[in-house]
Amino acid sequence: MIGSVKKLNEANIPIVLAAKPLRGDFVAYVGAEDFEIGTREARYLFKKLGGKGKIVVIESTAGAPTNRECVRGHKRAFAEFRSIEVRRQLPATRCHA
């Protein structure tokens, strides 16, 4: 889609982007900021744990853009809460492991 967006931008055709962020110029973006969501949900959990503890991270679909950004947000929060120990991190499809 990036190539199509580039062509539309070059033709000065306004675009409203929905669902997933892409590179390009858009009139508006309607969707979730998964990086921020991941950071905020991890911070909330870590604060509820008193800033320390051992956790297991079960991700969404491995390799999905939404999951990548959410996990990147979690990592930002891990850096802020050094007393949180990640014991294991795996995609939901491998939860049984």
N, C-alpha and C. Protein backbone atom coordinates (compact mmCIF):
# COMPACT_ATOMS: atom_id res chain seq x y z
N MET A 1 0.81 -1.20 0.00
CA MET A 1 0.00 0.00 0.00
C MET A 1 0.85 1.26 0.00
N ILE A 2 2.09 1.14 0.42
CA ILE A 2 2.93 2.33 0.50
C ILE A 2 3.10 2.97 -0.87
N GLY A 3 3.27 2.16 -1.91
CA GLY A 3 3.40 2.68 -3.27
C GLY A 3 2.14 3.41 -3.71
N SER A 4 0.99 2.86 -3.39
CA SER A 4 -0.29 3.50 -3.74
C SER A 4 -0.46 4.81 -3.00
N VAL A 5 -0.11 4.82 -1.73
CA VAL A 5 -0.21 6.06 -0.94
C VAL A 5 0.70 7.13 -1.52
N LYS A 6 1.91 6.72 -1.91
CA LYS A 6 2.84 7.68 -2.49
C LYS A 6 2.26 8.30 -3.77
N LYS A 7 1.67 7.48 -4.62
CA LYS A 7 1.07 7.98 -5.86
C LYS A 7 -0.08 8.95 -5.57
N LEU A 8 -0.90 8.62 -4.60
CA LEU A 8 -2.01 9.50 -4.22
C LEU A 8 -1.48 10.81 -3.66
N ASN A 9 -0.43 10.74 -2.83
CA ASN A 9 0.19 11.95 -2.29
C ASN A 9 0.75 12.82 -3.41
N GLU A 10 1.42 12.20 -4.37
CA GLU A 10 2.00 12.94 -5.49
C GLU A 10 0.91 13.63 -6.33
N ALA A 11 -0.28 13.01 -6.39
CA ALA A 11 -1.40 13.57 -7.16
C ALA A 11 -2.21 14.55 -6.31
N ASN A 12 -1.74 14.82 -5.08
CA ASN A 12 -2.45 15.72 -4.15
C ASN A 12 -3.88 15.29 -3.87
N ILE A 13 -4.08 13.98 -3.79
CA ILE A 13 -5.40 13.43 -3.46
C ILE A 13 -5.42 13.18 -1.96
N PRO A 14 -6.36 13.81 -1.23
CA PRO A 14 -6.41 13.62 0.23
C PRO A 14 -6.77 12.17 0.59
N ILE A 15 -6.15 11.70 1.65
CA ILE A 15 -6.37 10.32 2.10
C ILE A 15 -6.73 10.35 3.58
N VAL A 16 -7.72 9.56 3.95
CA VAL A 16 -8.02 9.31 5.36
C VAL A 16 -7.62 7.87 5.61
N LEU A 17 -6.73 7.67 6.54
CA LEU A 17 -6.21 6.34 6.84
C LEU A 17 -6.97 5.76 8.03
N ALA A 18 -7.41 4.53 7.89
CA ALA A 18 -8.11 3.85 8.99
C ALA A 18 -7.41 2.54 9.30
N ALA A 19 -7.35 2.20 10.57
CA ALA A 19 -6.86 0.93 11.10
C ALA A 19 -5.37 0.90 11.36
N LYS A 20 -4.53 0.79 10.34
CA LYS A 20 -3.10 0.62 10.57
C LYS A 20 -2.31 1.82 10.06
N PRO A 21 -1.36 2.32 10.85
CA PRO A 21 -0.55 3.44 10.39
C PRO A 21 0.35 3.03 9.22
N LEU A 22 0.53 3.94 8.29
CA LEU A 22 1.43 3.75 7.15
C LEU A 22 2.24 5.02 6.96
N ARG A 23 3.32 4.91 6.19
CA ARG A 23 4.09 6.09 5.83
C ARG A 23 3.34 6.85 4.75
N GLY A 24 3.37 8.15 4.81
CA GLY A 24 2.73 8.98 3.81
C GLY A 24 2.04 10.16 4.47
N ASP A 25 1.40 10.99 3.66
CA ASP A 25 0.66 12.15 4.16
C ASP A 25 -0.83 11.84 4.13
N PHE A 26 -1.51 12.08 5.25
CA PHE A 26 -2.92 11.76 5.38
C PHE A 26 -3.68 12.94 5.96
N VAL A 27 -4.92 13.10 5.54
CA VAL A 27 -5.79 14.14 6.09
C VAL A 27 -6.08 13.81 7.55
N ALA A 28 -6.29 12.52 7.81
CA ALA A 28 -6.60 12.07 9.17
C ALA A 28 -6.21 10.60 9.31
N TYR A 29 -5.97 10.20 10.53
CA TYR A 29 -5.71 8.80 10.85
C TYR A 29 -6.72 8.38 11.90
N VAL A 30 -7.45 7.31 11.63
CA VAL A 30 -8.43 6.79 12.58
C VAL A 30 -7.96 5.39 12.95
N GLY A 31 -7.53 5.22 14.17
CA GLY A 31 -7.04 3.92 14.59
C GLY A 31 -6.34 4.03 15.92
N ALA A 32 -5.73 2.96 16.32
CA ALA A 32 -5.06 2.89 17.62
C ALA A 32 -3.57 3.12 17.47
N GLU A 33 -2.99 3.77 18.45
CA GLU A 33 -1.54 3.94 18.54
C GLU A 33 -1.02 2.81 19.42
N ASP A 34 -0.73 1.67 18.80
CA ASP A 34 -0.40 0.46 19.55
C ASP A 34 0.84 0.59 20.42
N PHE A 35 1.81 1.40 20.00
CA PHE A 35 3.00 1.62 20.81
C PHE A 35 2.61 2.27 22.14
N GLU A 36 1.80 3.31 22.07
CA GLU A 36 1.35 4.00 23.29
C GLU A 36 0.46 3.10 24.14
N ILE A 37 -0.40 2.34 23.49
CA ILE A 37 -1.26 1.41 24.24
C ILE A 37 -0.41 0.40 24.99
N GLY A 38 0.59 -0.17 24.32
CA GLY A 38 1.47 -1.14 24.97
C GLY A 38 2.22 -0.54 26.14
N THR A 39 2.70 0.69 25.98
CA THR A 39 3.42 1.35 27.06
C THR A 39 2.50 1.61 28.24
N ARG A 40 1.33 2.14 27.97
CA ARG A 40 0.39 2.49 29.06
C ARG A 40 -0.12 1.26 29.79
N GLU A 41 -0.44 0.18 29.05
CA GLU A 41 -0.95 -1.00 29.74
C GLU A 41 0.13 -1.64 30.61
N ALA A 42 1.38 -1.64 30.13
CA ALA A 42 2.46 -2.21 30.93
C ALA A 42 2.73 -1.35 32.16
N ARG A 43 2.78 -0.04 31.99
CA ARG A 43 2.99 0.85 33.14
C ARG A 43 1.90 0.65 34.19
N TYR A 44 0.65 0.55 33.76
CA TYR A 44 -0.46 0.35 34.68
C TYR A 44 -0.27 -0.94 35.48
N LEU A 45 0.02 -2.01 34.78
CA LEU A 45 0.24 -3.29 35.44
C LEU A 45 1.40 -3.22 36.42
N PHE A 46 2.52 -2.63 35.97
CA PHE A 46 3.70 -2.58 36.81
C PHE A 46 3.46 -1.74 38.06
N LYS A 47 2.71 -0.67 37.93
CA LYS A 47 2.36 0.14 39.10
C LYS A 47 1.49 -0.66 40.06
N LYS A 48 0.53 -1.42 39.52
CA LYS A 48 -0.33 -2.26 40.38
C LYS A 48 0.47 -3.34 41.09
N LEU A 49 1.59 -3.75 40.48
CA LEU A 49 2.47 -4.74 41.11
C LEU A 49 3.45 -4.10 42.08
N GLY A 50 3.32 -2.81 42.30
CA GLY A 50 4.23 -2.11 43.21
C GLY A 50 5.61 -1.91 42.61
N GLY A 51 5.72 -2.00 41.29
CA GLY A 51 6.99 -1.76 40.62
C GLY A 51 7.97 -2.92 40.67
N LYS A 52 7.51 -4.08 41.15
CA LYS A 52 8.41 -5.25 41.18
C LYS A 52 7.60 -6.52 41.02
N GLY A 53 8.26 -7.55 40.53
CA GLY A 53 7.59 -8.83 40.37
C GLY A 53 8.11 -9.58 39.17
N LYS A 54 7.60 -10.78 39.01
CA LYS A 54 7.98 -11.65 37.90
C LYS A 54 6.74 -11.84 37.03
N ILE A 55 6.90 -11.65 35.72
CA ILE A 55 5.76 -11.76 34.82
C ILE A 55 6.07 -12.64 33.62
N VAL A 56 5.02 -13.12 32.98
CA VAL A 56 5.10 -13.82 31.70
C VAL A 56 4.32 -12.95 30.72
N VAL A 57 4.91 -12.67 29.57
CA VAL A 57 4.27 -11.86 28.54
C VAL A 57 3.74 -12.81 27.47
N ILE A 58 2.43 -12.77 27.25
CA ILE A 58 1.82 -13.53 26.17
C ILE A 58 1.39 -12.52 25.12
N GLU A 59 2.07 -12.56 23.99
CA GLU A 59 1.84 -11.60 22.91
C GLU A 59 0.62 -11.99 22.09
N SER A 60 0.27 -11.10 21.19
CA SER A 60 -0.77 -11.36 20.21
C SER A 60 -0.14 -12.18 19.08
N THR A 61 -0.63 -12.07 17.88
CA THR A 61 -0.12 -12.82 16.74
C THR A 61 1.32 -12.39 16.44
N ALA A 62 2.23 -13.36 16.46
CA ALA A 62 3.65 -13.07 16.21
C ALA A 62 3.83 -12.44 14.84
N GLY A 63 4.60 -11.36 14.78
CA GLY A 63 4.90 -10.70 13.53
C GLY A 63 3.87 -9.71 13.04
N ALA A 64 2.69 -9.69 13.65
CA ALA A 64 1.65 -8.74 13.23
C ALA A 64 2.07 -7.33 13.61
N PRO A 65 1.82 -6.33 12.74
CA PRO A 65 2.22 -4.96 13.06
C PRO A 65 1.69 -4.46 14.40
N THR A 66 0.44 -4.79 14.70
CA THR A 66 -0.15 -4.37 15.97
C THR A 66 0.64 -4.96 17.14
N ASN A 67 0.97 -6.23 17.04
CA ASN A 67 1.72 -6.89 18.10
C ASN A 67 3.12 -6.29 18.23
N ARG A 68 3.78 -6.07 17.11
CA ARG A 68 5.14 -5.51 17.15
C ARG A 68 5.16 -4.19 17.90
N GLU A 69 4.23 -3.31 17.59
CA GLU A 69 4.19 -2.00 18.23
C GLU A 69 3.83 -2.10 19.71
N CYS A 70 2.91 -2.98 20.03
CA CYS A 70 2.51 -3.18 21.43
C CYS A 70 3.71 -3.69 22.25
N VAL A 71 4.41 -4.68 21.71
CA VAL A 71 5.59 -5.23 22.41
C VAL A 71 6.67 -4.17 22.54
N ARG A 72 6.84 -3.34 21.52
CA ARG A 72 7.81 -2.25 21.60
C ARG A 72 7.43 -1.29 22.74
N GLY A 73 6.14 -1.05 22.91
CA GLY A 73 5.67 -0.23 24.02
C GLY A 73 5.93 -0.88 25.36
N HIS A 74 5.73 -2.19 25.43
CA HIS A 74 6.03 -2.91 26.68
C HIS A 74 7.50 -2.75 27.04
N LYS A 75 8.37 -2.86 26.03
CA LYS A 75 9.81 -2.76 26.29
C LYS A 75 10.18 -1.39 26.84
N ARG A 76 9.49 -0.35 26.39
CA ARG A 76 9.73 0.99 26.93
C ARG A 76 9.42 0.98 28.43
N ALA A 77 8.30 0.36 28.80
CA ALA A 77 7.91 0.30 30.22
C ALA A 77 8.86 -0.59 31.01
N PHE A 78 9.36 -1.69 30.42
CA PHE A 78 10.33 -2.54 31.12
C PHE A 78 11.56 -1.73 31.51
N ALA A 79 11.98 -0.84 30.62
CA ALA A 79 13.16 -0.01 30.89
C ALA A 79 12.92 0.94 32.06
N GLU A 80 11.67 1.31 32.29
CA GLU A 80 11.33 2.23 33.38
C GLU A 80 11.15 1.50 34.72
N PHE A 81 10.85 0.22 34.66
CA PHE A 81 10.59 -0.57 35.87
C PHE A 81 11.59 -1.72 35.92
N ARG A 82 12.78 -1.42 36.36
CA ARG A 82 13.88 -2.41 36.36
C ARG A 82 13.65 -3.58 37.30
N SER A 83 12.73 -3.45 38.26
CA SER A 83 12.49 -4.55 39.21
C SER A 83 11.41 -5.51 38.71
N ILE A 84 10.93 -5.30 37.49
CA ILE A 84 10.00 -6.25 36.87
C ILE A 84 10.84 -7.24 36.07
N GLU A 85 10.70 -8.51 36.39
CA GLU A 85 11.46 -9.55 35.70
C GLU A 85 10.54 -10.30 34.74
N VAL A 86 10.91 -10.30 33.47
CA VAL A 86 10.15 -11.04 32.46
C VAL A 86 10.70 -12.46 32.45
N ARG A 87 9.89 -13.39 32.95
CA ARG A 87 10.33 -14.79 33.03
C ARG A 87 10.26 -15.49 31.69
N ARG A 88 9.26 -15.09 30.89
CA ARG A 88 9.08 -15.71 29.58
C ARG A 88 8.24 -14.80 28.72
N GLN A 89 8.49 -14.82 27.41
CA GLN A 89 7.71 -14.03 26.47
C GLN A 89 7.47 -14.90 25.24
N LEU A 90 6.20 -15.08 24.89
CA LEU A 90 5.88 -15.93 23.76
C LEU A 90 4.57 -15.49 23.12
N PRO A 91 4.39 -15.83 21.83
CA PRO A 91 3.13 -15.48 21.16
C PRO A 91 1.98 -16.33 21.67
N ALA A 92 0.78 -15.78 21.60
CA ALA A 92 -0.41 -16.48 22.12
C ALA A 92 -0.59 -17.84 21.47
N THR A 93 -0.16 -17.98 20.23
CA THR A 93 -0.32 -19.26 19.54
C THR A 93 0.53 -20.36 20.17
N ARG A 94 1.46 -19.98 21.05
CA ARG A 94 2.31 -20.96 21.72
C ARG A 94 2.05 -20.98 23.22
N CYS A 95 0.89 -20.51 23.66
CA CYS A 95 0.59 -20.42 25.09
C CYS A 95 0.70 -21.78 25.78
N HIS A 96 0.42 -22.82 25.08
CA HIS A 96 0.44 -24.14 25.68
C HIS A 96 1.85 -24.64 25.98
N ALA A 97 2.87 -23.95 25.43
CA ALA A 97 4.26 -24.38 25.60
C ALA A 97 4.73 -24.22 27.04
